[in-house]
């Protein structure tokens, strides 16, 4: 449904600009209206993009895709990365919203911003 390379390019552009984007904005860039099925399909592509990037030593890009309501990725983003919690000891949030989650997301967004601005 979604072309991973096109989605990745959108996220790299957002990272270079130092911006997070909402799920709806990414879907609109890809030519779709926001629907729950489209968002779920997008999330699968975002997970694949991050897996591929991690293999290349890149910071995650999916962290840049956030809910409009609170500026955080959805719960699925945290769950999909829970297997990495041991590697991230010390900064893994105890909850998927609130101040701790916002600090965790800001840290990882900043890593993506710095990495892609240097490219």
Protein backbone atom coordinates (compact mmCIF):
# COMPACT_ATOMS: atom_id res chain seq x y z
CA UNK A 1 0.00 0.00 0.00
CA UNK A 2 2.61 2.55 1.08
CA UNK A 3 5.99 2.75 -0.58
CA UNK A 4 8.58 2.57 2.23
CA UNK A 5 11.10 4.65 0.27
CA UNK A 6 8.59 7.47 -0.26
CA UNK A 7 7.54 7.38 3.40
CA UNK A 8 11.18 7.37 4.49
CA UNK A 9 11.89 10.40 2.28
CA UNK A 10 9.03 12.30 3.95
CA UNK A 11 10.43 11.47 7.39
CA UNK A 12 13.99 12.40 6.44
CA UNK A 13 12.70 15.75 5.18
CA UNK A 14 10.88 16.31 8.47
CA UNK A 15 14.02 15.37 10.42
CA UNK A 16 16.17 17.75 8.38
CA UNK A 17 13.65 20.52 9.04
CA UNK A 18 13.59 19.66 12.74
CA UNK A 19 9.88 18.89 12.74
CA UNK A 20 7.64 16.13 13.95
CA UNK A 21 4.67 15.32 11.70
CA UNK A 22 1.26 13.95 12.55
CA UNK A 23 -0.05 10.64 11.28
CA UNK A 24 -2.60 12.61 9.26
CA UNK A 25 0.09 14.80 7.68
CA UNK A 26 2.13 11.78 6.59
CA UNK A 27 -0.96 10.13 5.13
CA UNK A 28 -1.83 13.36 3.29
CA UNK A 29 1.70 13.57 1.84
CA UNK A 30 1.18 10.01 0.59
CA UNK A 31 -2.16 10.97 -0.98
CA UNK A 32 -4.54 9.45 1.59
CA UNK A 33 -7.11 10.70 4.04
CA UNK A 34 -6.70 9.69 7.67
CA UNK A 35 -8.54 6.49 8.54
CA UNK A 36 -7.74 3.93 11.22
CA UNK A 37 -6.95 1.18 8.66
CA UNK A 38 -4.62 3.52 6.76
CA UNK A 39 -2.93 4.55 10.01
CA UNK A 40 -2.38 0.90 10.98
CA UNK A 41 -0.89 0.18 7.56
CA UNK A 42 1.35 3.25 7.91
CA UNK A 43 2.53 2.05 11.32
CA UNK A 44 3.69 -1.25 9.80
CA UNK A 45 5.71 0.67 7.22
CA UNK A 46 7.17 2.91 9.95
CA UNK A 47 8.29 -0.15 11.91
CA UNK A 48 9.98 -1.58 8.80
CA UNK A 49 11.70 1.75 8.10
CA UNK A 50 13.08 1.83 11.64
CA UNK A 51 14.25 -1.81 11.47
CA UNK A 52 16.10 -1.12 8.22
CA UNK A 53 17.58 2.10 9.60
CA UNK A 54 18.70 0.40 12.80
CA UNK A 55 20.59 -2.16 10.69
CA UNK A 56 22.40 0.78 9.03
CA UNK A 57 23.15 2.46 12.36
CA UNK A 58 20.65 5.27 11.86
CA UNK A 59 18.41 6.69 14.57
CA UNK A 60 14.71 5.92 14.32
CA UNK A 61 12.49 8.02 12.11
CA UNK A 62 9.10 6.71 13.24
CA UNK A 63 9.48 8.73 16.46
CA UNK A 64 8.80 11.81 14.33
CA UNK A 65 5.26 10.65 13.55
CA UNK A 66 2.99 11.78 16.36
CA UNK A 67 -0.62 12.20 17.39
CA UNK A 68 -2.02 15.65 16.84
CA UNK A 69 -3.61 15.59 20.30
CA UNK A 70 -0.45 15.37 22.41
CA UNK A 71 2.59 15.28 20.11
CA UNK A 72 3.49 11.69 21.05
CA UNK A 73 3.70 8.58 18.92
CA UNK A 74 0.88 6.12 19.50
CA UNK A 75 1.11 3.31 22.03
CA UNK A 76 2.04 0.92 19.22
CA UNK A 77 5.30 2.79 18.67
CA UNK A 78 6.34 2.13 22.26
CA UNK A 79 5.16 -1.49 22.18
CA UNK A 80 6.97 -2.18 18.90
CA UNK A 81 10.22 -1.04 20.52
CA UNK A 82 9.76 -2.70 23.89
CA UNK A 83 12.21 -5.45 22.87
CA UNK A 84 14.88 -2.70 22.85
CA UNK A 85 14.22 -1.65 26.47
CA UNK A 86 17.27 -3.54 27.79
CA UNK A 87 19.52 -1.72 25.31
CA UNK A 88 18.02 1.60 26.40
CA UNK A 89 18.26 1.08 30.13
CA UNK A 90 17.91 4.33 31.97
CA UNK A 91 15.76 6.21 29.48
CA UNK A 92 12.92 3.79 28.70
CA UNK A 93 9.65 5.38 29.89
CA UNK A 94 7.45 3.60 32.39
CA UNK A 95 4.31 4.89 30.66
CA UNK A 96 3.30 5.76 27.09
CA UNK A 97 2.14 9.25 27.88
CA UNK A 98 2.95 11.99 30.33
CA UNK A 99 6.18 13.79 31.12
CA UNK A 100 8.44 10.74 31.08
CA UNK A 101 7.21 9.63 27.66
CA UNK A 102 7.52 13.18 26.32
CA UNK A 103 11.14 13.39 27.51
CA UNK A 104 11.93 10.01 25.95
CA UNK A 105 10.35 10.99 22.63
CA UNK A 106 12.08 14.40 22.65
CA UNK A 107 15.45 12.70 23.18
CA UNK A 108 14.94 10.36 20.25
CA UNK A 109 13.48 13.05 18.01
CA UNK A 110 16.52 15.21 18.74
CA UNK A 111 18.82 12.32 17.77
CA UNK A 112 17.00 12.03 14.43
CA UNK A 113 17.11 15.81 13.88
CA UNK A 114 20.86 16.02 14.56
CA UNK A 115 21.70 12.94 12.48
CA UNK A 116 19.73 13.97 9.38
CA UNK A 117 20.70 17.66 9.52
CA UNK A 118 24.33 16.55 9.32
CA UNK A 119 23.67 14.63 6.09
